[in-house]
Structure formats: C-alpha cells, structure tokens
N, C-alpha and C. Protein backbone atom coordinates (compact mmCIF):
# COMPACT_ATOMS: atom_id res chain seq x y z
N MET A 1 2.32 1.58 43.65
CA MET A 1 1.46 1.89 42.39
C MET A 1 0.02 1.58 42.98
N ASP A 2 -0.94 2.59 42.56
CA ASP A 2 -2.62 2.35 42.48
C ASP A 2 -2.89 1.58 41.49
N ILE A 3 -4.30 1.25 41.38
CA ILE A 3 -4.85 0.49 40.44
C ILE A 3 -4.78 0.82 39.18
N TYR A 4 -4.97 2.26 39.01
CA TYR A 4 -4.82 2.79 37.56
C TYR A 4 -3.40 2.77 36.95
N GLU A 5 -2.12 3.02 37.58
CA GLU A 5 -1.03 2.69 37.09
C GLU A 5 -0.90 1.42 36.34
N TYR A 6 -1.48 0.29 37.36
CA TYR A 6 -1.56 -1.13 37.08
C TYR A 6 -2.27 -1.27 35.59
N ALA A 7 -3.49 -0.79 35.52
CA ALA A 7 -4.15 -0.63 34.35
C ALA A 7 -3.57 -0.33 33.01
N ILE A 8 -3.06 1.13 33.24
CA ILE A 8 -2.03 1.68 32.10
C ILE A 8 -1.00 0.60 31.76
N LEU A 9 -0.50 -0.01 32.86
CA LEU A 9 1.00 -0.81 32.60
C LEU A 9 0.47 -2.14 31.83
N VAL A 10 -0.70 -2.65 32.23
CA VAL A 10 -1.34 -4.05 31.59
C VAL A 10 -1.85 -3.48 30.09
N PHE A 11 -2.63 -2.14 30.01
CA PHE A 11 -2.85 -1.93 28.61
C PHE A 11 -1.70 -1.95 27.61
N PHE A 12 -0.93 -1.22 27.92
CA PHE A 12 0.08 -1.05 27.02
C PHE A 12 0.82 -2.03 26.92
N SER A 13 1.42 -2.88 27.94
CA SER A 13 2.04 -4.17 27.82
C SER A 13 1.49 -5.07 26.83
N SER A 14 0.16 -5.34 26.90
CA SER A 14 -0.59 -6.04 25.95
C SER A 14 -0.62 -5.59 24.62
N TRP A 15 -0.83 -4.10 24.39
CA TRP A 15 -0.36 -3.30 23.16
C TRP A 15 0.80 -4.11 22.48
N LEU A 16 1.99 -3.82 23.18
CA LEU A 16 3.21 -4.01 22.68
C LEU A 16 3.14 -5.51 22.31
N ILE A 17 2.99 -6.34 23.26
CA ILE A 17 2.86 -8.06 22.92
C ILE A 17 1.97 -8.24 21.60
N LEU A 18 1.01 -7.75 21.20
CA LEU A 18 -0.17 -7.82 20.19
C LEU A 18 0.70 -7.54 18.83
N THR A 19 1.39 -6.28 19.16
CA THR A 19 2.22 -5.53 18.00
C THR A 19 3.05 -6.49 17.69
N VAL A 20 4.09 -7.24 18.50
CA VAL A 20 5.20 -7.97 18.27
C VAL A 20 4.36 -9.18 17.57
N VAL A 21 3.42 -9.78 18.03
CA VAL A 21 2.82 -11.10 17.63
C VAL A 21 2.58 -10.76 15.96
N PHE A 22 1.95 -9.46 16.03
CA PHE A 22 1.32 -9.33 14.56
C PHE A 22 2.55 -9.17 13.64
N HIS A 23 3.73 -9.22 13.91
CA HIS A 23 4.60 -8.94 12.88
C HIS A 23 5.46 -10.03 12.70
N PHE A 24 5.00 -11.34 13.29
CA PHE A 24 5.75 -12.69 13.04
C PHE A 24 4.68 -13.28 12.26
N PRO A 25 5.22 -14.04 11.31
CA PRO A 25 4.47 -14.72 10.24
C PRO A 25 3.64 -16.03 10.79
N LEU A 26 2.84 -15.65 11.64
CA LEU A 26 1.96 -16.80 12.12
C LEU A 26 0.55 -17.04 11.10
N THR A 27 -0.01 -17.87 10.97
CA THR A 27 -1.05 -18.15 10.42
C THR A 27 -2.41 -17.41 10.88
N GLY A 28 -2.30 -17.28 12.13
CA GLY A 28 -3.72 -16.39 12.20
C GLY A 28 -3.44 -14.90 12.89
N ASN A 29 -2.58 -14.36 12.25
CA ASN A 29 -2.37 -12.97 12.37
C ASN A 29 -3.48 -12.06 11.87
N TYR A 30 -3.93 -12.64 10.84
CA TYR A 30 -5.03 -11.88 10.03
C TYR A 30 -6.48 -11.79 11.13
N LYS A 31 -6.65 -12.64 12.06
CA LYS A 31 -7.60 -12.60 12.70
C LYS A 31 -7.23 -11.13 13.66
N LEU A 32 -6.11 -11.04 14.00
CA LEU A 32 -5.82 -9.80 14.74
C LEU A 32 -6.51 -8.66 14.15
N ARG A 33 -6.26 -8.45 12.98
CA ARG A 33 -6.55 -7.36 11.80
C ARG A 33 -8.34 -7.33 12.16
N VAL A 34 -9.00 -8.54 11.91
CA VAL A 34 -10.13 -8.52 11.87
C VAL A 34 -10.99 -8.17 13.08
N LYS A 35 -10.27 -8.52 14.40
CA LYS A 35 -10.77 -8.13 15.67
C LYS A 35 -10.17 -6.72 15.88
N ASP A 36 -9.69 -5.97 15.04
CA ASP A 36 -9.12 -4.48 15.34
C ASP A 36 -9.67 -3.55 14.32
N PRO A 37 -10.74 -3.20 14.40
CA PRO A 37 -11.36 -2.31 13.37
C PRO A 37 -11.08 -0.93 13.24
N PHE A 38 -10.29 -0.68 14.57
CA PHE A 38 -9.87 0.69 14.58
C PHE A 38 -8.67 0.98 14.31
N GLY A 39 -7.71 -0.27 13.94
CA GLY A 39 -6.46 -0.05 13.55
C GLY A 39 -5.46 0.20 14.86
N ILE A 40 -5.86 -0.43 16.00
CA ILE A 40 -5.00 0.15 17.23
C ILE A 40 -3.46 -0.58 17.10
N ILE A 41 -3.71 -1.87 16.65
CA ILE A 41 -2.33 -2.38 16.46
C ILE A 41 -1.62 -1.92 15.13
N PRO A 42 -0.51 -1.58 15.49
CA PRO A 42 0.33 -1.02 14.15
C PRO A 42 0.75 -1.95 13.35
N ASP A 43 0.87 -1.75 11.90
CA ASP A 43 1.26 -2.33 10.77
C ASP A 43 2.43 -1.80 10.43
N TRP A 44 3.59 -1.69 10.77
CA TRP A 44 4.81 -1.06 10.26
C TRP A 44 5.65 -2.08 9.56
N ARG A 45 5.71 -1.73 8.20
CA ARG A 45 6.40 -2.61 7.08
C ARG A 45 7.60 -1.95 6.71
N PHE A 46 8.82 -2.08 7.52
CA PHE A 46 10.00 -1.07 6.73
C PHE A 46 10.46 -1.64 5.46
N PHE A 47 10.15 -2.93 5.31
CA PHE A 47 10.46 -3.75 4.12
C PHE A 47 9.49 -4.52 3.46
N CYS A 48 9.41 -4.38 2.45
CA CYS A 48 8.03 -5.02 1.64
C CYS A 48 7.89 -6.75 2.10
N PRO A 49 7.15 -7.25 1.94
CA PRO A 49 7.13 -8.42 2.34
C PRO A 49 7.87 -9.60 1.36
N THR A 50 8.03 -9.52 0.10
CA THR A 50 9.06 -10.06 -0.81
C THR A 50 9.90 -8.90 -1.37
N PRO A 51 11.03 -9.02 -0.74
CA PRO A 51 12.10 -7.64 -1.57
C PRO A 51 12.23 -7.84 -2.65
N ILE A 52 12.52 -6.89 -3.47
CA ILE A 52 12.83 -6.70 -4.73
C ILE A 52 14.16 -7.26 -4.64
N LYS A 53 14.65 -8.08 -5.60
CA LYS A 53 16.28 -8.92 -5.89
C LYS A 53 17.08 -8.13 -6.78
N HIS A 54 16.57 -7.29 -7.64
CA HIS A 54 16.95 -6.97 -9.04
C HIS A 54 16.74 -5.47 -9.07
N ASN A 55 17.71 -4.92 -9.73
CA ASN A 55 17.24 -3.39 -10.19
C ASN A 55 16.85 -3.74 -11.75
N TYR A 56 16.01 -3.05 -11.94
CA TYR A 56 15.29 -3.25 -13.39
C TYR A 56 15.58 -1.94 -14.18
N HIS A 57 15.83 -2.15 -15.60
CA HIS A 57 16.28 -0.89 -16.39
C HIS A 57 15.41 -1.44 -17.96
N ILE A 58 14.88 -0.34 -18.03
CA ILE A 58 14.12 -0.14 -19.51
C ILE A 58 15.12 0.75 -20.37
N LEU A 59 15.83 0.21 -21.46
CA LEU A 59 16.21 0.70 -22.31
C LEU A 59 15.57 0.86 -23.65
N HIS A 60 15.59 1.98 -24.66
CA HIS A 60 14.98 1.88 -25.77
C HIS A 60 16.07 2.55 -26.75
N ARG A 61 15.61 2.29 -27.82
CA ARG A 61 16.48 2.93 -29.21
C ARG A 61 15.39 3.17 -30.34
N GLU A 62 15.72 4.29 -30.99
CA GLU A 62 14.94 4.88 -32.30
C GLU A 62 15.73 4.17 -33.65
N PHE A 63 14.85 3.99 -34.57
CA PHE A 63 15.12 3.61 -35.78
C PHE A 63 14.63 4.99 -36.55
N LEU A 64 15.48 5.74 -37.19
CA LEU A 64 15.33 6.90 -37.76
C LEU A 64 14.88 6.76 -39.16
N GLN A 65 14.10 7.93 -39.88
CA GLN A 65 13.84 7.90 -41.21
C GLN A 65 15.03 7.53 -42.21
N ASN A 66 16.15 8.14 -41.78
CA ASN A 66 17.24 8.12 -42.85
C ASN A 66 17.97 6.75 -42.67
N GLY A 67 17.63 5.81 -41.83
CA GLY A 67 18.16 4.45 -41.74
C GLY A 67 19.16 4.27 -40.62
N ASP A 68 19.33 5.48 -39.91
CA ASP A 68 20.11 5.23 -38.71
C ASP A 68 19.83 4.83 -37.43
N THR A 69 20.34 4.45 -36.75
CA THR A 69 19.77 3.91 -35.36
C THR A 69 20.32 4.50 -34.22
N SER A 70 19.60 5.01 -33.50
CA SER A 70 20.14 5.67 -32.15
C SER A 70 20.93 4.74 -31.05
N PRO A 71 21.53 5.19 -30.24
CA PRO A 71 22.10 4.25 -29.24
C PRO A 71 21.07 4.06 -28.17
N TRP A 72 21.29 3.13 -27.40
CA TRP A 72 20.21 2.54 -26.25
C TRP A 72 20.43 3.60 -25.33
N ARG A 73 19.26 3.92 -24.94
CA ARG A 73 19.32 4.88 -23.67
C ARG A 73 17.84 4.41 -22.86
N GLU A 74 18.52 4.69 -21.57
CA GLU A 74 17.77 4.12 -20.23
C GLU A 74 16.98 4.99 -19.94
N ILE A 75 15.44 4.68 -19.64
CA ILE A 75 14.53 5.52 -19.17
C ILE A 75 14.67 5.22 -17.58
N GLN A 76 14.81 6.55 -16.87
CA GLN A 76 15.39 6.60 -15.10
C GLN A 76 13.71 6.33 -14.72
N LEU A 77 13.77 4.88 -14.19
CA LEU A 77 12.40 4.32 -13.61
C LEU A 77 12.31 5.05 -12.13
N LEU A 78 13.21 5.48 -11.36
CA LEU A 78 13.00 6.11 -10.14
C LEU A 78 14.03 7.21 -10.23
N PRO A 79 13.81 8.45 -10.30
CA PRO A 79 14.77 9.81 -10.41
C PRO A 79 15.50 9.91 -8.93
N PRO A 80 16.43 10.54 -8.99
CA PRO A 80 16.90 10.83 -7.64
C PRO A 80 16.03 11.41 -6.47
N ARG A 81 16.17 11.08 -5.27
CA ARG A 81 15.17 11.71 -4.42
C ARG A 81 15.84 12.77 -3.99
N SER A 82 14.84 13.97 -3.43
CA SER A 82 15.37 15.06 -2.70
C SER A 82 14.77 15.21 -1.32
N LEU A 83 15.22 16.05 -0.55
CA LEU A 83 14.22 16.41 0.85
C LEU A 83 12.82 16.58 0.64
N LEU A 84 12.72 17.32 -0.61
CA LEU A 84 11.41 17.72 -0.75
C LEU A 84 10.51 16.88 -0.64
N ASP A 85 10.77 15.52 -1.28
CA ASP A 85 10.29 14.25 -1.26
C ASP A 85 9.33 14.13 -0.27
N ALA A 86 10.01 14.13 0.96
CA ALA A 86 9.37 13.71 2.09
C ALA A 86 8.00 14.52 2.59
N ILE A 87 8.14 15.72 2.33
CA ILE A 87 6.97 16.59 2.31
C ILE A 87 6.16 16.57 1.11
N TRP A 88 6.46 16.97 -0.08
CA TRP A 88 5.79 17.23 -1.33
C TRP A 88 6.62 16.27 -2.49
N ASN A 89 5.50 15.35 -2.78
CA ASN A 89 6.00 14.12 -3.67
C ASN A 89 4.96 13.73 -4.76
N PRO A 90 4.42 14.73 -5.67
CA PRO A 90 3.30 14.52 -6.31
C PRO A 90 3.47 13.45 -7.36
N GLY A 91 4.61 13.16 -7.97
CA GLY A 91 4.91 12.10 -8.86
C GLY A 91 5.35 10.61 -8.19
N ARG A 92 5.09 10.59 -7.05
CA ARG A 92 5.33 9.38 -6.20
C ARG A 92 4.49 8.16 -6.78
N LYS A 93 3.38 8.43 -7.14
CA LYS A 93 2.39 7.24 -7.45
C LYS A 93 2.67 6.81 -8.85
N SER A 94 2.94 8.15 -9.68
CA SER A 94 3.13 7.69 -11.25
C SER A 94 4.58 6.86 -11.08
N ARG A 95 5.40 7.12 -10.55
CA ARG A 95 6.76 6.14 -10.64
C ARG A 95 6.56 4.94 -10.15
N LYS A 96 5.75 5.13 -8.90
CA LYS A 96 5.84 3.45 -8.39
C LYS A 96 4.82 2.65 -9.47
N SER A 97 3.61 3.30 -9.91
CA SER A 97 3.12 2.64 -11.12
C SER A 97 3.78 1.95 -12.26
N PHE A 98 4.91 2.96 -12.49
CA PHE A 98 5.68 2.39 -13.72
C PHE A 98 6.69 1.43 -13.29
N LEU A 99 6.92 1.42 -12.14
CA LEU A 99 7.98 0.44 -11.85
C LEU A 99 7.22 -0.87 -11.32
N ASP A 100 5.88 -0.84 -10.95
CA ASP A 100 5.13 -1.89 -10.76
C ASP A 100 4.84 -2.78 -12.18
N ILE A 101 4.70 -1.79 -13.04
CA ILE A 101 4.40 -2.35 -14.46
C ILE A 101 5.47 -3.06 -14.99
N THR A 102 6.93 -2.42 -14.53
CA THR A 102 7.97 -3.01 -15.15
C THR A 102 8.29 -4.64 -14.48
N ILE A 103 7.89 -4.32 -13.09
CA ILE A 103 8.12 -5.57 -12.44
C ILE A 103 7.30 -6.80 -13.17
N GLU A 104 5.73 -6.34 -13.61
CA GLU A 104 4.91 -7.36 -13.92
C GLU A 104 5.51 -7.64 -15.42
N LEU A 105 6.19 -6.65 -16.15
CA LEU A 105 6.45 -7.42 -17.31
C LEU A 105 7.66 -8.26 -17.28
N ALA A 106 8.42 -8.07 -16.10
CA ALA A 106 9.59 -8.99 -16.31
C ALA A 106 9.00 -10.42 -15.82
N ASN A 107 7.85 -10.43 -14.59
CA ASN A 107 7.03 -11.68 -14.50
C ASN A 107 6.62 -12.36 -15.79
N VAL A 108 6.10 -11.53 -16.57
CA VAL A 108 5.56 -12.21 -17.56
C VAL A 108 6.47 -12.65 -18.81
N ALA A 109 7.30 -11.70 -18.87
CA ALA A 109 8.54 -12.27 -19.77
C ALA A 109 9.37 -13.45 -19.35
N SER A 110 9.32 -13.72 -18.00
CA SER A 110 9.86 -15.07 -17.47
C SER A 110 9.18 -16.17 -17.76
N THR A 111 7.80 -15.86 -17.47
CA THR A 111 6.95 -17.11 -17.42
C THR A 111 6.28 -17.53 -18.93
N ASN A 112 6.60 -16.70 -19.88
CA ASN A 112 6.21 -16.74 -21.10
C ASN A 112 7.04 -16.67 -22.26
N LYS A 113 8.41 -17.16 -22.03
CA LYS A 113 9.51 -17.21 -23.04
C LYS A 113 9.24 -17.82 -24.12
N ASP A 114 8.18 -18.76 -24.04
CA ASP A 114 8.16 -19.60 -25.57
C ASP A 114 6.72 -19.18 -26.16
N ASN A 115 6.29 -17.96 -25.51
CA ASN A 115 4.82 -17.70 -26.09
C ASN A 115 4.97 -16.14 -26.35
N GLU A 116 5.58 -15.74 -27.47
CA GLU A 116 5.73 -14.14 -27.68
C GLU A 116 4.54 -13.43 -27.83
N ASN A 117 3.37 -14.11 -28.09
CA ASN A 117 2.15 -13.43 -28.30
C ASN A 117 1.26 -12.88 -27.19
N VAL A 118 1.71 -13.93 -25.98
CA VAL A 118 1.35 -13.59 -24.88
C VAL A 118 1.88 -12.13 -24.14
N ILE A 119 3.40 -12.33 -24.43
CA ILE A 119 4.01 -11.36 -23.94
C ILE A 119 3.77 -9.74 -24.66
N ILE A 120 3.58 -9.89 -25.72
CA ILE A 120 3.30 -8.65 -26.71
C ILE A 120 1.87 -8.25 -26.50
N GLY A 121 0.78 -9.09 -26.24
CA GLY A 121 -0.48 -8.82 -25.63
C GLY A 121 -0.52 -8.28 -24.52
N SER A 122 0.14 -8.42 -23.63
CA SER A 122 0.24 -8.20 -21.90
C SER A 122 0.13 -6.61 -22.05
N ILE A 123 -0.73 -6.45 -20.85
CA ILE A 123 -0.95 -4.86 -20.44
C ILE A 123 0.52 -4.31 -20.26
N SER A 124 1.15 -4.90 -19.41
CA SER A 124 2.44 -4.35 -18.89
C SER A 124 3.36 -4.05 -20.34
N TYR A 125 3.24 -4.89 -21.21
CA TYR A 125 4.18 -4.62 -22.38
C TYR A 125 3.56 -3.51 -23.22
N LEU A 126 2.15 -3.43 -23.45
CA LEU A 126 1.48 -2.49 -24.03
C LEU A 126 1.86 -0.74 -23.63
N THR A 127 1.86 -1.38 -22.30
CA THR A 127 1.91 0.02 -21.32
C THR A 127 3.40 0.87 -21.60
N VAL A 128 4.21 -0.15 -21.38
CA VAL A 128 5.72 0.42 -21.68
C VAL A 128 6.07 0.75 -23.23
N LEU A 129 5.24 0.09 -23.96
CA LEU A 129 5.44 0.39 -25.53
C LEU A 129 4.80 1.93 -25.80
N ASN A 130 3.53 2.09 -25.06
CA ASN A 130 2.93 3.17 -25.14
C ASN A 130 3.48 4.56 -24.60
N TYR A 131 4.39 4.16 -23.57
CA TYR A 131 5.12 5.27 -22.77
C TYR A 131 6.24 5.71 -23.61
N ILE A 132 7.14 4.66 -24.08
CA ILE A 132 8.37 4.87 -24.79
C ILE A 132 7.84 5.55 -26.35
N SER A 133 6.48 5.14 -26.88
CA SER A 133 6.21 5.71 -27.96
C SER A 133 5.96 7.23 -27.85
N GLN A 134 5.15 7.52 -26.83
CA GLN A 134 4.89 8.95 -26.44
C GLN A 134 6.17 9.83 -26.33
N ILE A 135 7.12 9.23 -25.58
CA ILE A 135 8.38 9.99 -25.43
C ILE A 135 9.32 10.35 -26.73
N ASN A 136 9.02 9.28 -27.73
CA ASN A 136 9.75 9.55 -29.04
C ASN A 136 9.04 10.44 -30.11
N ILE A 137 7.66 10.38 -29.73
CA ILE A 137 6.99 11.02 -30.78
C ILE A 137 7.05 12.50 -30.29
N ASN A 138 7.08 12.78 -29.20
CA ASN A 138 7.17 13.97 -28.64
C ASN A 138 8.40 14.83 -28.68
N THR A 139 9.51 14.11 -28.92
CA THR A 139 10.91 14.47 -28.86
C THR A 139 11.90 14.45 -30.08
N ASN A 140 11.41 13.44 -31.07
CA ASN A 140 11.91 13.41 -32.34
C ASN A 140 11.10 13.16 -33.56
N ASP A 141 11.08 14.14 -34.36
CA ASP A 141 10.35 13.95 -35.43
C ASP A 141 10.82 13.04 -36.52
N GLU A 142 12.05 12.58 -36.38
CA GLU A 142 12.66 11.81 -37.34
C GLU A 142 12.53 10.27 -37.25
N CYS A 143 11.84 9.95 -36.03
CA CYS A 143 11.75 8.57 -35.34
C CYS A 143 10.58 7.91 -35.74
N SER A 144 10.84 6.81 -36.72
CA SER A 144 9.79 6.09 -37.36
C SER A 144 9.41 4.75 -36.30
N PHE A 145 10.34 4.28 -35.95
CA PHE A 145 10.45 2.83 -35.35
C PHE A 145 11.02 2.85 -34.18
N ILE A 146 10.72 2.09 -32.93
CA ILE A 146 11.29 1.84 -31.73
C ILE A 146 11.43 0.55 -31.49
N GLN A 147 12.43 0.17 -30.46
CA GLN A 147 12.53 -1.09 -29.87
C GLN A 147 12.97 -0.70 -28.34
N PHE A 148 12.46 -1.45 -27.46
CA PHE A 148 12.86 -1.64 -26.18
C PHE A 148 13.49 -2.79 -25.56
N ALA A 149 14.17 -2.91 -24.34
CA ALA A 149 14.78 -3.87 -23.89
C ALA A 149 14.48 -3.70 -22.39
N LEU A 150 14.19 -4.77 -21.58
CA LEU A 150 14.04 -4.97 -20.29
C LEU A 150 15.30 -5.71 -19.90
N MET A 151 15.94 -4.80 -18.78
CA MET A 151 17.38 -5.67 -18.27
C MET A 151 17.06 -5.75 -16.60
N ALA A 152 18.12 -6.73 -16.10
CA ALA A 152 17.76 -6.93 -14.61
C ALA A 152 19.41 -6.96 -14.05
N SER A 153 19.65 -5.99 -13.29
CA SER A 153 20.80 -6.45 -12.29
C SER A 153 20.56 -6.72 -10.99
N CYS A 154 21.71 -7.38 -10.48
CA CYS A 154 21.24 -7.83 -9.16
C CYS A 154 21.75 -6.43 -8.49
N SER A 155 20.89 -6.21 -7.33
CA SER A 155 20.92 -5.15 -6.37
C SER A 155 22.02 -5.39 -5.11
N ILE A 156 21.96 -6.72 -4.88
CA ILE A 156 22.91 -7.17 -3.76
C ILE A 156 24.44 -7.45 -4.21
N ASN A 157 24.64 -8.18 -5.24
CA ASN A 157 26.04 -8.31 -5.73
C ASN A 157 26.16 -7.22 -6.95
N LYS A 158 26.80 -6.71 -6.88
CA LYS A 158 27.04 -5.29 -7.80
C LYS A 158 28.17 -5.92 -9.08
N SER A 159 28.75 -6.92 -8.68
CA SER A 159 29.88 -7.51 -9.59
C SER A 159 29.04 -8.53 -10.61
N GLU A 160 27.77 -9.00 -10.40
CA GLU A 160 27.19 -9.49 -11.57
C GLU A 160 26.55 -8.67 -12.71
N ASN A 161 26.57 -9.23 -13.81
CA ASN A 161 26.46 -8.48 -15.02
C ASN A 161 24.87 -8.18 -14.99
N THR A 162 24.51 -7.36 -15.95
CA THR A 162 23.00 -7.46 -16.35
C THR A 162 22.63 -8.52 -17.32
N GLU A 163 21.31 -8.82 -17.10
CA GLU A 163 20.64 -9.72 -17.61
C GLU A 163 19.62 -9.26 -18.49
N LEU A 164 19.66 -9.61 -19.99
CA LEU A 164 18.75 -9.52 -20.63
C LEU A 164 17.36 -9.97 -20.53
N LEU A 165 16.17 -9.47 -20.06
CA LEU A 165 15.08 -10.22 -19.59
C LEU A 165 14.13 -10.58 -20.72
N LEU A 166 14.18 -9.43 -21.83
CA LEU A 166 13.08 -9.00 -22.95
C LEU A 166 13.94 -7.98 -24.05
N LEU A 167 13.76 -8.49 -24.94
CA LEU A 167 13.92 -7.65 -25.95
C LEU A 167 12.76 -7.52 -26.98
N SER A 168 12.11 -6.49 -27.06
CA SER A 168 10.88 -6.09 -27.74
C SER A 168 10.86 -6.35 -29.34
N LYS A 169 9.91 -6.35 -29.98
CA LYS A 169 9.88 -6.23 -31.35
C LYS A 169 10.44 -5.02 -31.99
N VAL A 170 10.66 -4.58 -33.21
CA VAL A 170 10.65 -3.32 -33.48
C VAL A 170 9.17 -2.63 -33.74
N HIS A 171 8.86 -1.59 -33.45
CA HIS A 171 7.42 -1.26 -33.59
C HIS A 171 7.43 0.01 -34.39
N LEU A 172 6.57 0.15 -35.25
CA LEU A 172 6.28 1.55 -36.18
C LEU A 172 5.40 2.35 -35.37
N ILE A 173 6.02 3.60 -35.05
CA ILE A 173 5.16 4.35 -34.15
C ILE A 173 4.69 5.98 -35.36
N LYS A 174 5.33 5.80 -36.35
CA LYS A 174 4.96 6.90 -37.39
C LYS A 174 5.52 6.30 -38.40
N ASP A 175 4.47 6.23 -39.42
CA ASP A 175 5.05 6.07 -40.98
C ASP A 175 5.17 7.37 -41.71
N GLU A 176 6.05 7.48 -42.66
CA GLU A 176 7.14 8.53 -42.83
C GLU A 176 5.79 9.43 -44.08
N HIS A 177 4.43 9.08 -44.23
CA HIS A 177 3.63 9.57 -44.70
C HIS A 177 2.58 10.45 -43.82
N SER A 178 2.98 10.24 -42.47
CA SER A 178 1.57 10.44 -41.33
C SER A 178 2.16 12.26 -41.26
N THR A 179 1.55 13.04 -40.73
CA THR A 179 1.84 14.39 -39.94
C THR A 179 1.39 14.52 -38.82
N ARG A 180 2.28 15.20 -38.02
CA ARG A 180 2.01 15.51 -36.64
C ARG A 180 1.08 16.74 -36.56
N ASN A 181 0.22 16.84 -35.69
CA ASN A 181 -0.65 17.98 -35.38
C ASN A 181 0.29 19.13 -34.58
N THR A 182 0.53 20.07 -34.95
CA THR A 182 1.28 20.97 -34.08
C THR A 182 0.59 22.29 -33.97
C-alpha cells in the first residue's frame, strides 16, 4: 500500500471511531458536534432518546340537544401508514404535532392531578378541546356539548388494561340558540 491508501484508511477509520463514540451517552459528546460544523459525524437515531412506553388514545363523546349521549369514539392519532408515505407525506408534521400535544397533555394531567385549573388552562388541553370541538361542529348539527378522555395503554405488554389519564369536563360548543353560518 502506498501513502495515499494509508491516508484514506486512517481517515475512514477515524470517522468510524468518532461516529461510534458519538453515539455512546458520554458527557463530552456535545463537544464533537461543536467541532463538527459541517455535520460530517453522522447522528443516526433509530429510536428516540426516551422511547414512548404507552400508546395514547383520545376518545370523545357528544351530548346532543335531545338529551342523548353518543358512545365514546376514538380519534385516530396516527392513521395507518402506506408505502406512498415514504415518498410523499404532507400530513406527517400535523400528525406528529397532535401526538406531541397528546403526550404533553398526559404529562400535564399526571403532574397536576390535584389542580384542575392548571390542566384546563394548559395549551395542550385547550388544543385538544379545540380540535374535538371543530370535528363536532362540522359533522353534527345536534351536538351541543362535548367531553373527551385521554387513555393510555402499554405498548409493550398488550395484556395490561388501558388506564384513564384524564376525563375532561363537559364543554359547551354550541348553545341551542346559536346558528351556523352555511
């Protein structure tokens, strides 16, 4: 081997070693990023740093003007994927945003169990309430009130039951005297 082949071997070996070292949870790893302004050291994360341990489910029901209550229906947070999603996936960011809001709502609900006003006033609660309200206003003229629930099921152990994390208050979305603009 000549000097050029040794130089190439040293370069790629160093690159491989830096890549492996970067992926171990060492305290000095951030220094590698600072000294790598061109992003030469790859940062492949096949799994998120803190994996999700639960599947979250948002259910909602409607309270109709005639006094009936609809059954609980689940909002599909992550619809089934297709092969086309690998190439063209315009809804990816909105689905991810809604999933992030759901996880944030679960965190707010678990840390503020004794303070209902903090939960109801949180951005995540109001975002979910707004989303569900818009679904019901646009699809059901008879709906006056809504309620939603946040549930969690274990994604690892399928035999465990779902757990109720949050049951919202019943919210007025349309009073019987209001009219819709059509």
